[in-house]
Amino acid sequence: MNSAKKARLEAAGWKVGTVAEFLELNKQEAAFVEMKLALARCLHALRIRRKLSQSRVAELVGSSQSRVAKMESGDPSVSVDLLLRSVLAIGGSPTEVVRALASRKKLTPA
């Protein structure tokens, strides 16, 4: 958000901050959420690049299509273990996982 917009919002009584601040996450919690979201984006990108349906990914992982949709959307009920296993099951490499984690986006301002 640009500084002019931020100033206008603050002048109108709004508080401006990050998602992590809004949710009162400490650094470790925020990093964990960012890592899970990076893995979810990695899974989605790999699935699209390999032209796989969510149903096909579910077959490869031994899960359901709806669970794959939850994985890709970053649903909090999905474990990091399942995300990692899914990325690897569709042909992702450890290098791609590391790259996804290294380029993860910060929790954006609210």
PDB file of N, CA and C in Angstrom:
ATOM      1  N   MET A   1       0.845  -1.166   0.000  1.00  0.00           N
ATOM      2  CA  MET A   1       0.000   0.000   0.000  1.00  0.00           C
ATOM      3  C   MET A   1       0.895   1.235   0.000  1.00  0.00           C
ATOM      4  N   ASN A   2       0.519   2.216  -0.805  1.00  0.00           N
ATOM      5  CA  ASN A   2       1.363   3.406  -0.857  1.00  0.00           C
ATOM      6  C   ASN A   2       1.133   4.274   0.379  1.00  0.00           C
ATOM      7  N   SER A   3       2.083   5.149   0.654  1.00  0.00           N
ATOM      8  CA  SER A   3       2.052   5.934   1.891  1.00  0.00           C
ATOM      9  C   SER A   3       0.888   6.919   1.930  1.00  0.00           C
ATOM     10  N   ALA A   4       0.473   7.447   0.777  1.00  0.00           N
ATOM     11  CA  ALA A   4      -0.653   8.386   0.751  1.00  0.00           C
ATOM     12  C   ALA A   4      -1.946   7.685   1.169  1.00  0.00           C
ATOM     13  N   LYS A   5      -2.160   6.494   0.644  1.00  0.00           N
ATOM     14  CA  LYS A   5      -3.365   5.747   0.999  1.00  0.00           C
ATOM     15  C   LYS A   5      -3.337   5.378   2.482  1.00  0.00           C
ATOM     16  N   LYS A   6      -2.167   4.961   2.950  1.00  0.00           N
ATOM     17  CA  LYS A   6      -2.020   4.607   4.360  1.00  0.00           C
ATOM     18  C   LYS A   6      -2.348   5.811   5.239  1.00  0.00           C
ATOM     19  N   ALA A   7      -1.839   6.985   4.872  1.00  0.00           N
ATOM     20  CA  ALA A   7      -2.087   8.201   5.647  1.00  0.00           C
ATOM     21  C   ALA A   7      -3.572   8.553   5.659  1.00  0.00           C
ATOM     22  N   ARG A   8      -4.246   8.416   4.506  1.00  0.00           N
ATOM     23  CA  ARG A   8      -5.684   8.700   4.431  1.00  0.00           C
ATOM     24  C   ARG A   8      -6.471   7.765   5.347  1.00  0.00           C
ATOM     25  N   LEU A   9      -6.124   6.478   5.310  1.00  0.00           N
ATOM     26  CA  LEU A   9      -6.825   5.507   6.152  1.00  0.00           C
ATOM     27  C   LEU A   9      -6.612   5.797   7.635  1.00  0.00           C
ATOM     28  N   GLU A  10      -5.373   6.086   7.996  1.00  0.00           N
ATOM     29  CA  GLU A  10      -5.071   6.376   9.396  1.00  0.00           C
ATOM     30  C   GLU A  10      -5.766   7.655   9.854  1.00  0.00           C
ATOM     31  N   ALA A  11      -5.833   8.659   8.967  1.00  0.00           N
ATOM     32  CA  ALA A  11      -6.523   9.910   9.297  1.00  0.00           C
ATOM     33  C   ALA A  11      -8.014   9.674   9.512  1.00  0.00           C
ATOM     34  N   ALA A  12      -8.555   8.680   8.820  1.00  0.00           N
ATOM     35  CA  ALA A  12      -9.975   8.351   8.964  1.00  0.00           C
ATOM     36  C   ALA A  12     -10.232   7.431  10.162  1.00  0.00           C
ATOM     37  N   GLY A  13      -9.172   7.112  10.913  1.00  0.00           N
ATOM     38  CA  GLY A  13      -9.344   6.299  12.114  1.00  0.00           C
ATOM     39  C   GLY A  13      -9.061   4.817  11.944  1.00  0.00           C
ATOM     40  N   TRP A  14      -8.629   4.421  10.765  1.00  0.00           N
ATOM     41  CA  TRP A  14      -8.323   3.014  10.521  1.00  0.00           C
ATOM     42  C   TRP A  14      -6.925   2.694  11.024  1.00  0.00           C
ATOM     43  N   LYS A  15      -6.737   1.459  11.435  1.00  0.00           N
ATOM     44  CA  LYS A  15      -5.402   0.973  11.795  1.00  0.00           C
ATOM     45  C   LYS A  15      -4.860   0.216  10.595  1.00  0.00           C
ATOM     46  N   VAL A  16      -3.602   0.433  10.281  1.00  0.00           N
ATOM     47  CA  VAL A  16      -2.967  -0.228   9.146  1.00  0.00           C
ATOM     48  C   VAL A  16      -1.835  -1.089   9.679  1.00  0.00           C
ATOM     49  N   GLY A  17      -1.805  -2.340   9.249  1.00  0.00           N
ATOM     50  CA  GLY A  17      -0.756  -3.242   9.703  1.00  0.00           C
ATOM     51  C   GLY A  17      -0.724  -4.488   8.844  1.00  0.00           C
ATOM     52  N   THR A  18      -0.004  -5.466   9.303  1.00  0.00           N
ATOM     53  CA  THR A  18       0.114  -6.718   8.561  1.00  0.00           C
ATOM     54  C   THR A  18      -0.920  -7.724   9.056  1.00  0.00           C
ATOM     55  N   VAL A  19      -1.115  -8.750   8.273  1.00  0.00           N
ATOM     56  CA  VAL A  19      -1.999  -9.843   8.672  1.00  0.00           C
ATOM     57  C   VAL A  19      -1.477 -10.466   9.963  1.00  0.00           C
ATOM     58  N   ALA A  20      -0.169 -10.642  10.035  1.00  0.00           N
ATOM     59  CA  ALA A  20       0.436 -11.237  11.230  1.00  0.00           C
ATOM     60  C   ALA A  20       0.147 -10.389  12.470  1.00  0.00           C
ATOM     61  N   GLU A  21       0.211  -9.065  12.315  1.00  0.00           N
ATOM     62  CA  GLU A  21      -0.103  -8.188  13.447  1.00  0.00           C
ATOM     63  C   GLU A  21      -1.577  -8.309  13.826  1.00  0.00           C
ATOM     64  N   PHE A  22      -2.453  -8.336  12.825  1.00  0.00           N
ATOM     65  CA  PHE A  22      -3.887  -8.442  13.071  1.00  0.00           C
ATOM     66  C   PHE A  22      -4.225  -9.733  13.809  1.00  0.00           C
ATOM     67  N   LEU A  23      -3.579 -10.829  13.400  1.00  0.00           N
ATOM     68  CA  LEU A  23      -3.835 -12.132  14.015  1.00  0.00           C
ATOM     69  C   LEU A  23      -2.999 -12.366  15.269  1.00  0.00           C
ATOM     70  N   GLU A  24      -2.154 -11.388  15.604  1.00  0.00           N
ATOM     71  CA  GLU A  24      -1.271 -11.470  16.763  1.00  0.00           C
ATOM     72  C   GLU A  24      -0.381 -12.712  16.717  1.00  0.00           C
ATOM     73  N   LEU A  25       0.212 -12.943  15.547  1.00  0.00           N
ATOM     74  CA  LEU A  25       1.123 -14.071  15.376  1.00  0.00           C
ATOM     75  C   LEU A  25       2.530 -13.644  15.754  1.00  0.00           C
ATOM     76  N   ASN A  26       3.257 -14.529  16.435  1.00  0.00           N
ATOM     77  CA  ASN A  26       4.663 -14.233  16.672  1.00  0.00           C
ATOM     78  C   ASN A  26       5.442 -14.588  15.400  1.00  0.00           C
ATOM     79  N   LYS A  27       6.734 -14.325  15.395  1.00  0.00           N
ATOM     80  CA  LYS A  27       7.533 -14.540  14.177  1.00  0.00           C
ATOM     81  C   LYS A  27       7.509 -15.992  13.720  1.00  0.00           C
ATOM     82  N   GLN A  28       7.574 -16.921  14.657  1.00  0.00           N
ATOM     83  CA  GLN A  28       7.575 -18.338  14.298  1.00  0.00           C
ATOM     84  C   GLN A  28       6.234 -18.750  13.696  1.00  0.00           C
ATOM     85  N   GLU A  29       5.148 -18.293  14.290  1.00  0.00           N
ATOM     86  CA  GLU A  29       3.822 -18.630  13.767  1.00  0.00           C
ATOM     87  C   GLU A  29       3.612 -18.036  12.378  1.00  0.00           C
ATOM     88  N   ALA A  30       4.034 -16.795  12.190  1.00  0.00           N
ATOM     89  CA  ALA A  30       3.897 -16.152  10.880  1.00  0.00           C
ATOM     90  C   ALA A  30       4.735 -16.883   9.833  1.00  0.00           C
ATOM     91  N   ALA A  31       5.952 -17.278  10.199  1.00  0.00           N
ATOM     92  CA  ALA A  31       6.812 -18.007   9.266  1.00  0.00           C
ATOM     93  C   ALA A  31       6.194 -19.348   8.896  1.00  0.00           C
ATOM     94  N   PHE A  32       5.595 -20.033   9.865  1.00  0.00           N
ATOM     95  CA  PHE A  32       4.964 -21.325   9.598  1.00  0.00           C
ATOM     96  C   PHE A  32       3.800 -21.167   8.622  1.00  0.00           C
ATOM     97  N   VAL A  33       2.971 -20.158   8.836  1.00  0.00           N
ATOM     98  CA  VAL A  33       1.843 -19.904   7.928  1.00  0.00           C
ATOM     99  C   VAL A  33       2.357 -19.589   6.528  1.00  0.00           C
ATOM    100  N   GLU A  34       3.384 -18.753   6.437  1.00  0.00           N
ATOM    101  CA  GLU A  34       3.962 -18.405   5.136  1.00  0.00           C
ATOM    102  C   GLU A  34       4.502 -19.643   4.426  1.00  0.00           C
ATOM    103  N   MET A  35       5.146 -20.534   5.169  1.00  0.00           N
ATOM    104  CA  MET A  35       5.699 -21.750   4.569  1.00  0.00           C
ATOM    105  C   MET A  35       4.590 -22.663   4.056  1.00  0.00           C
ATOM    106  N   LYS A  36       3.518 -22.814   4.827  1.00  0.00           N
ATOM    107  CA  LYS A  36       2.396 -23.642   4.371  1.00  0.00           C
ATOM    108  C   LYS A  36       1.779 -23.070   3.103  1.00  0.00           C
ATOM    109  N   LEU A  37       1.614 -21.750   3.063  1.00  0.00           N
ATOM    110  CA  LEU A  37       1.039 -21.128   1.871  1.00  0.00           C
ATOM    111  C   LEU A  37       1.971 -21.264   0.668  1.00  0.00           C
ATOM    112  N   ALA A  38       3.277 -21.182   0.900  1.00  0.00           N
ATOM    113  CA  ALA A  38       4.237 -21.370  -0.191  1.00  0.00           C
ATOM    114  C   ALA A  38       4.144 -22.789  -0.747  1.00  0.00           C
ATOM    115  N   LEU A  39       3.994 -23.771   0.127  1.00  0.00           N
ATOM    116  CA  LEU A  39       3.849 -25.159  -0.329  1.00  0.00           C
ATOM    117  C   LEU A  39       2.536 -25.354  -1.080  1.00  0.00           C
ATOM    118  N   ALA A  40       1.482 -24.700  -0.637  1.00  0.00           N
ATOM    119  CA  ALA A  40       0.193 -24.792  -1.329  1.00  0.00           C
ATOM    120  C   ALA A  40       0.303 -24.207  -2.737  1.00  0.00           C
ATOM    121  N   ARG A  41       0.965 -23.054  -2.857  1.00  0.00           N
ATOM    122  CA  ARG A  41       1.164 -22.440  -4.187  1.00  0.00           C
ATOM    123  C   ARG A  41       2.046 -23.319  -5.062  1.00  0.00           C
ATOM    124  N   CYS A  42       3.054 -23.937  -4.464  1.00  0.00           N
ATOM    125  CA  CYS A  42       3.950 -24.833  -5.201  1.00  0.00           C
ATOM    126  C   CYS A  42       3.169 -26.020  -5.752  1.00  0.00           C
ATOM    127  N   LEU A  43       2.333 -26.624  -4.927  1.00  0.00           N
ATOM    128  CA  LEU A  43       1.521 -27.759  -5.365  1.00  0.00           C
ATOM    129  C   LEU A  43       0.620 -27.357  -6.521  1.00  0.00           C
ATOM    130  N   HIS A  44      -0.050 -26.230  -6.387  1.00  0.00           N
ATOM    131  CA  HIS A  44      -0.955 -25.763  -7.441  1.00  0.00           C
ATOM    132  C   HIS A  44      -0.190 -25.515  -8.747  1.00  0.00           C
ATOM    133  N   ALA A  45       0.937 -24.819  -8.651  1.00  0.00           N
ATOM    134  CA  ALA A  45       1.726 -24.507  -9.849  1.00  0.00           C
ATOM    135  C   ALA A  45       2.231 -25.776 -10.531  1.00  0.00           C
ATOM    136  N   LEU A  46       2.717 -26.728  -9.747  1.00  0.00           N
ATOM    137  CA  LEU A  46       3.196 -27.990 -10.326  1.00  0.00           C
ATOM    138  C   LEU A  46       2.063 -28.762 -10.986  1.00  0.00           C
ATOM    139  N   ARG A  47       0.904 -28.784 -10.349  1.00  0.00           N
ATOM    140  CA  ARG A  47      -0.244 -29.505 -10.918  1.00  0.00           C
ATOM    141  C   ARG A  47      -0.637 -28.896 -12.262  1.00  0.00           C
ATOM    142  N   ILE A  48      -0.688 -27.585 -12.330  1.00  0.00           N
ATOM    143  CA  ILE A  48      -1.048 -26.908 -13.580  1.00  0.00           C
ATOM    144  C   ILE A  48       0.026 -27.157 -14.636  1.00  0.00           C
ATOM    145  N   ARG A  49       1.280 -27.030 -14.253  1.00  0.00           N
ATOM    146  CA  ARG A  49       2.390 -27.222 -15.201  1.00  0.00           C
ATOM    147  C   ARG A  49       2.407 -28.639 -15.764  1.00  0.00           C
ATOM    148  N   ARG A  50       2.035 -29.615 -14.941  1.00  0.00           N
ATOM    149  CA  ARG A  50       2.026 -31.009 -15.388  1.00  0.00           C
ATOM    150  C   ARG A  50       0.680 -31.425 -15.988  1.00  0.00           C
ATOM    151  N   LYS A  51      -0.236 -30.436 -16.091  1.00  0.00           N
ATOM    152  CA  LYS A  51      -1.557 -30.659 -16.692  1.00  0.00           C
ATOM    153  C   LYS A  51      -2.315 -31.798 -16.001  1.00  0.00           C
ATOM    154  N   LEU A  52      -2.285 -31.782 -14.668  1.00  0.00           N
ATOM    155  CA  LEU A  52      -2.988 -32.787 -13.878  1.00  0.00           C
ATOM    156  C   LEU A  52      -4.251 -32.177 -13.285  1.00  0.00           C
ATOM    157  N   SER A  53      -5.296 -32.967 -13.203  1.00  0.00           N
ATOM    158  CA  SER A  53      -6.512 -32.525 -12.523  1.00  0.00           C
ATOM    159  C   SER A  53      -6.339 -32.743 -11.023  1.00  0.00           C
ATOM    160  N   GLN A  54      -7.171 -32.079 -10.251  1.00  0.00           N
ATOM    161  CA  GLN A  54      -7.137 -32.312  -8.809  1.00  0.00           C
ATOM    162  C   GLN A  54      -7.488 -33.762  -8.496  1.00  0.00           C
ATOM    163  N   SER A  55      -8.371 -34.343  -9.294  1.00  0.00           N
ATOM    164  CA  SER A  55      -8.744 -35.752  -9.087  1.00  0.00           C
ATOM    165  C   SER A  55      -7.553 -36.671  -9.307  1.00  0.00           C
ATOM    166  N   ARG A  56      -6.758 -36.377 -10.332  1.00  0.00           N
ATOM    167  CA  ARG A  56      -5.580 -37.210 -10.619  1.00  0.00           C
ATOM    168  C   ARG A  56      -4.549 -37.077  -9.497  1.00  0.00           C
ATOM    169  N   VAL A  57      -4.354 -35.868  -9.013  1.00  0.00           N
ATOM    170  CA  VAL A  57      -3.431 -35.665  -7.892  1.00  0.00           C
ATOM    171  C   VAL A  57      -3.928 -36.454  -6.682  1.00  0.00           C
ATOM    172  N   ALA A  58      -5.231 -36.422  -6.454  1.00  0.00           N
ATOM    173  CA  ALA A  58      -5.814 -37.169  -5.334  1.00  0.00           C
ATOM    174  C   ALA A  58      -5.518 -38.657  -5.458  1.00  0.00           C
ATOM    175  N   GLU A  59      -5.627 -39.194  -6.666  1.00  0.00           N
ATOM    176  CA  GLU A  59      -5.307 -40.614  -6.884  1.00  0.00           C
ATOM    177  C   GLU A  59      -3.852 -40.898  -6.554  1.00  0.00           C
ATOM    178  N   LEU A  60      -2.958 -40.032  -7.014  1.00  0.00           N
ATOM    179  CA  LEU A  60      -1.525 -40.233  -6.786  1.00  0.00           C
ATOM    180  C   LEU A  60      -1.167 -40.155  -5.299  1.00  0.00           C
ATOM    181  N   VAL A  61      -1.892 -39.332  -4.570  1.00  0.00           N
ATOM    182  CA  VAL A  61      -1.601 -39.117  -3.155  1.00  0.00           C
ATOM    183  C   VAL A  61      -2.377 -40.081  -2.261  1.00  0.00           C
ATOM    184  N   GLY A  62      -3.447 -40.654  -2.797  1.00  0.00           N
ATOM    185  CA  GLY A  62      -4.308 -41.513  -1.989  1.00  0.00           C
ATOM    186  C   GLY A  62      -5.259 -40.687  -1.139  1.00  0.00           C
ATOM    187  N   SER A  63      -5.811 -39.650  -1.751  1.00  0.00           N
ATOM    188  CA  SER A  63      -6.702 -38.746  -1.044  1.00  0.00           C
ATOM    189  C   SER A  63      -7.918 -38.467  -1.910  1.00  0.00           C
ATOM    190  N   SER A  64      -8.630 -37.398  -1.628  1.00  0.00           N
ATOM    191  CA  SER A  64      -9.815 -37.036  -2.407  1.00  0.00           C
ATOM    192  C   SER A  64      -9.582 -35.715  -3.133  1.00  0.00           C
ATOM    193  N   GLN A  65     -10.390 -35.480  -4.160  1.00  0.00           N
ATOM    194  CA  GLN A  65     -10.290 -34.229  -4.916  1.00  0.00           C
ATOM    195  C   GLN A  65     -10.543 -33.034  -4.000  1.00  0.00           C
ATOM    196  N   SER A  66     -11.516 -33.163  -3.117  1.00  0.00           N
ATOM    197  CA  SER A  66     -11.827 -32.033  -2.233  1.00  0.00           C
ATOM    198  C   SER A  66     -10.661 -31.725  -1.290  1.00  0.00           C
ATOM    199  N   ARG A  67      -9.929 -32.763  -0.901  1.00  0.00           N
ATOM    200  CA  ARG A  67      -8.760 -32.553  -0.039  1.00  0.00           C
ATOM    201  C   ARG A  67      -7.662 -31.823  -0.809  1.00  0.00           C
ATOM    202  N   VAL A  68      -7.485 -32.183  -2.085  1.00  0.00           N
ATOM    203  CA  VAL A  68      -6.492 -31.489  -2.918  1.00  0.00           C
ATOM    204  C   VAL A  68      -6.882 -30.018  -3.056  1.00  0.00           C
ATOM    205  N   ALA A  69      -8.168 -29.741  -3.248  1.00  0.00           N
ATOM    206  CA  ALA A  69      -8.631 -28.350  -3.324  1.00  0.00           C
ATOM    207  C   ALA A  69      -8.301 -27.611  -2.031  1.00  0.00           C
ATOM    208  N   LYS A  70      -8.487 -28.277  -0.897  1.00  0.00           N
ATOM    209  CA  LYS A  70      -8.147 -27.664   0.389  1.00  0.00           C
ATOM    210  C   LYS A  70      -6.647 -27.421   0.491  1.00  0.00           C
ATOM    211  N   MET A  71      -5.859 -28.374  -0.004  1.00  0.00           N
ATOM    212  CA  MET A  71      -4.402 -28.204   0.025  1.00  0.00           C
ATOM    213  C   MET A  71      -4.002 -26.963  -0.755  1.00  0.00           C
ATOM    214  N   GLU A  72      -4.543 -26.830  -1.966  1.00  0.00           N
ATOM    215  CA  GLU A  72      -4.169 -25.721  -2.840  1.00  0.00           C
ATOM    216  C   GLU A  72      -4.658 -24.374  -2.321  1.00  0.00           C
ATOM    217  N   SER A  73      -5.722 -24.378  -1.544  1.00  0.00           N
ATOM    218  CA  SER A  73      -6.259 -23.110  -1.032  1.00  0.00           C
ATOM    219  C   SER A  73      -5.646 -22.709   0.308  1.00  0.00           C
ATOM    220  N   GLY A  74      -4.769 -23.563   0.839  1.00  0.00           N
ATOM    221  CA  GLY A  74      -4.109 -23.240   2.104  1.00  0.00           C
ATOM    222  C   GLY A  74      -4.993 -23.445   3.319  1.00  0.00           C
ATOM    223  N   ASP A  75      -5.931 -24.365   3.222  1.00  0.00           N
ATOM    224  CA  ASP A  75      -6.831 -24.646   4.344  1.00  0.00           C
ATOM    225  C   ASP A  75      -6.015 -25.027   5.580  1.00  0.00           C
ATOM    226  N   PRO A  76      -6.342 -24.459   6.735  1.00  0.00           N
ATOM    227  CA  PRO A  76      -5.562 -24.748   7.943  1.00  0.00           C
ATOM    228  C   PRO A  76      -5.624 -26.198   8.414  1.00  0.00           C
ATOM    229  N   SER A  77      -6.596 -26.963   7.932  1.00  0.00           N
ATOM    230  CA  SER A  77      -6.700 -28.365   8.354  1.00  0.00           C
ATOM    231  C   SER A  77      -5.688 -29.265   7.647  1.00  0.00           C
ATOM    232  N   VAL A  78      -5.016 -28.746   6.629  1.00  0.00           N
ATOM    233  CA  VAL A  78      -4.053 -29.530   5.852  1.00  0.00           C
ATOM    234  C   VAL A  78      -2.683 -29.466   6.524  1.00  0.00           C
ATOM    235  N   SER A  79      -2.054 -30.617   6.678  1.00  0.00           N
ATOM    236  CA  SER A  79      -0.740 -30.661   7.336  1.00  0.00           C
ATOM    237  C   SER A  79       0.384 -30.360   6.343  1.00  0.00           C
ATOM    238  N   VAL A  80       1.489 -29.889   6.884  1.00  0.00           N
ATOM    239  CA  VAL A  80       2.684 -29.654   6.070  1.00  0.00           C
ATOM    240  C   VAL A  80       3.151 -30.975   5.464  1.00  0.00           C
ATOM    241  N   ASP A  81       3.040 -32.051   6.236  1.00  0.00           N
ATOM    242  CA  ASP A  81       3.429 -33.374   5.753  1.00  0.00           C
ATOM    243  C   ASP A  81       2.654 -33.742   4.489  1.00  0.00           C
ATOM    244  N   LEU A  82       1.350 -33.542   4.500  1.00  0.00           N
ATOM    245  CA  LEU A  82       0.534 -33.872   3.332  1.00  0.00           C
ATOM    246  C   LEU A  82       0.893 -32.992   2.142  1.00  0.00           C
ATOM    247  N   LEU A  83       1.146 -31.724   2.382  1.00  0.00           N
ATOM    248  CA  LEU A  83       1.554 -30.834   1.293  1.00  0.00           C
ATOM    249  C   LEU A  83       2.865 -31.306   0.667  1.00  0.00           C
ATOM    250  N   LEU A  84       3.844 -31.621   1.507  1.00  0.00           N
ATOM    251  CA  LEU A  84       5.139 -32.093   0.994  1.00  0.00           C
ATOM    252  C   LEU A  84       4.996 -33.408   0.230  1.00  0.00           C
ATOM    253  N   ARG A  85       4.264 -34.360   0.814  1.00  0.00           N
ATOM    254  CA  ARG A  85       4.075 -35.644   0.133  1.00  0.00           C
ATOM    255  C   ARG A  85       3.377 -35.456  -1.208  1.00  0.00           C
ATOM    256  N   SER A  86       2.440 -34.532  -1.272  1.00  0.00           N
ATOM    257  CA  SER A  86       1.698 -34.293  -2.510  1.00  0.00           C
ATOM    258  C   SER A  86       2.582 -33.670  -3.578  1.00  0.00           C
ATOM    259  N   VAL A  87       3.389 -32.695  -3.189  1.00  0.00           N
ATOM    260  CA  VAL A  87       4.314 -32.074  -4.148  1.00  0.00           C
ATOM    261  C   VAL A  87       5.248 -33.133  -4.719  1.00  0.00           C
ATOM    262  N   LEU A  88       5.787 -33.976  -3.861  1.00  0.00           N
ATOM    263  CA  LEU A  88       6.704 -35.026  -4.322  1.00  0.00           C
ATOM    264  C   LEU A  88       5.978 -36.081  -5.149  1.00  0.00           C
ATOM    265  N   ALA A  89       4.725 -36.394  -4.803  1.00  0.00           N
ATOM    266  CA  ALA A  89       3.957 -37.419  -5.524  1.00  0.00           C
ATOM    267  C   ALA A  89       3.675 -37.025  -6.968  1.00  0.00           C
ATOM    268  N   ILE A  90       3.592 -35.727  -7.241  1.00  0.00           N
ATOM    269  CA  ILE A  90       3.318 -35.313  -8.624  1.00  0.00           C
ATOM    270  C   ILE A  90       4.594 -34.926  -9.367  1.00  0.00           C
ATOM    271  N   GLY A  91       5.719 -35.328  -8.807  1.00  0.00           N
ATOM    272  CA  GLY A  91       6.980 -35.144  -9.510  1.00  0.00           C
ATOM    273  C   GLY A  91       7.782 -33.931  -9.111  1.00  0.00           C
ATOM    274  N   GLY A  92       7.362 -33.248  -8.064  1.00  0.00           N
ATOM    275  CA  GLY A  92       8.150 -32.123  -7.581  1.00  0.00           C
ATOM    276  C   GLY A  92       9.439 -32.620  -6.956  1.00  0.00           C
ATOM    277  N   SER A  93      10.460 -31.818  -7.029  1.00  0.00           N
ATOM    278  CA  SER A  93      11.757 -32.205  -6.475  1.00  0.00           C
ATOM    279  C   SER A  93      12.013 -31.455  -5.170  1.00  0.00           C
ATOM    280  N   PRO A  94      12.912 -31.977  -4.353  1.00  0.00           N
ATOM    281  CA  PRO A  94      13.294 -31.239  -3.146  1.00  0.00           C
ATOM    282  C   PRO A  94      13.795 -29.828  -3.477  1.00  0.00           C
ATOM    283  N   THR A  95      14.464 -29.690  -4.610  1.00  0.00           N
ATOM    284  CA  THR A  95      14.948 -28.374  -5.029  1.00  0.00           C
ATOM    285  C   THR A  95      13.788 -27.416  -5.264  1.00  0.00           C
ATOM    286  N   GLU A  96      12.711 -27.904  -5.893  1.00  0.00           N
ATOM    287  CA  GLU A  96      11.537 -27.054  -6.120  1.00  0.00           C
ATOM    288  C   GLU A  96      10.882 -26.652  -4.803  1.00  0.00           C
ATOM    289  N   VAL A  97      10.869 -27.571  -3.851  1.00  0.00           N
ATOM    290  CA  VAL A  97      10.301 -27.266  -2.535  1.00  0.00           C
ATOM    291  C   VAL A  97      11.121 -26.168  -1.866  1.00  0.00           C
ATOM    292  N   VAL A  98      12.441 -26.321  -1.891  1.00  0.00           N
ATOM    293  CA  VAL A  98      13.321 -25.322  -1.282  1.00  0.00           C
ATOM    294  C   VAL A  98      13.144 -23.977  -1.974  1.00  0.00           C
ATOM    295  N   ARG A  99      13.063 -23.991  -3.288  1.00  0.00           N
ATOM    296  CA  ARG A  99      12.876 -22.754  -4.050  1.00  0.00           C
ATOM    297  C   ARG A  99      11.552 -22.076  -3.664  1.00  0.00           C
ATOM    298  N   ALA A 100      10.492 -22.871  -3.541  1.00  0.00           N
ATOM    299  CA  ALA A 100       9.183 -22.320  -3.160  1.00  0.00           C
ATOM    300  C   ALA A 100       9.243 -21.702  -1.763  1.00  0.00           C
ATOM    301  N   LEU A 101       9.910 -22.380  -0.846  1.00  0.00           N
ATOM    302  CA  LEU A 101      10.009 -21.863   0.518  1.00  0.00           C
ATOM    303  C   LEU A 101      10.879 -20.611   0.583  1.00  0.00           C
ATOM    304  N   ALA A 102      11.928 -20.579  -0.226  1.00  0.00           N
ATOM    305  CA  ALA A 102      12.836 -19.433  -0.222  1.00  0.00           C
ATOM    306  C   ALA A 102      12.181 -18.190  -0.816  1.00  0.00           C
ATOM    307  N   SER A 103      11.252 -18.395  -1.750  1.00  0.00           N
ATOM    308  CA  SER A 103      10.633 -17.242  -2.407  1.00  0.00           C
ATOM    309  C   SER A 103       9.262 -16.927  -1.836  1.00  0.00           C
ATOM    310  N   ARG A 104       8.965 -17.494  -0.684  1.00  0.00           N
ATOM    311  CA  ARG A 104       7.625 -17.305  -0.113  1.00  0.00           C
ATOM    312  C   ARG A 104       7.341 -15.825   0.114  1.00  0.00           C
ATOM    313  N   LYS A 105       6.079 -15.490  -0.072  1.00  0.00           N
ATOM    314  CA  LYS A 105       5.640 -14.107   0.114  1.00  0.00           C
ATOM    315  C   LYS A 105       5.355 -13.870   1.591  1.00  0.00           C
ATOM    316  N   LYS A 106       5.633 -12.674   2.028  1.00  0.00           N
ATOM    317  CA  LYS A 106       5.324 -12.302   3.412  1.00  0.00           C
ATOM    318  C   LYS A 106       3.816 -12.130   3.557  1.00  0.00           C
ATOM    319  N   LEU A 107       3.319 -12.316   4.770  1.00  0.00           N
ATOM    320  CA  LEU A 107       1.909 -12.044   5.031  1.00  0.00           C
ATOM    321  C   LEU A 107       1.686 -10.559   4.772  1.00  0.00           C
ATOM    322  N   THR A 108       0.788 -10.268   3.859  1.00  0.00           N
ATOM    323  CA  THR A 108       0.619  -8.907   3.362  1.00  0.00           C
ATOM    324  C   THR A 108      -0.123  -8.013   4.346  1.00  0.00           C
ATOM    325  N   PRO A 109       0.041  -6.697   4.192  1.00  0.00           N
ATOM    326  CA  PRO A 109      -0.672  -5.774   5.077  1.00  0.00           C
ATOM    327  C   PRO A 109      -2.175  -5.954   4.988  1.00  0.00           C
ATOM    328  N   ALA A 110      -2.842  -5.723   6.094  1.00  0.00           N
ATOM    329  CA  ALA A 110      -4.306  -5.857   6.156  1.00  0.00           C
ATOM    330  C   ALA A 110      -4.986  -4.711   5.440  1.00  0.00           C
TER     331      ALA A 110
END
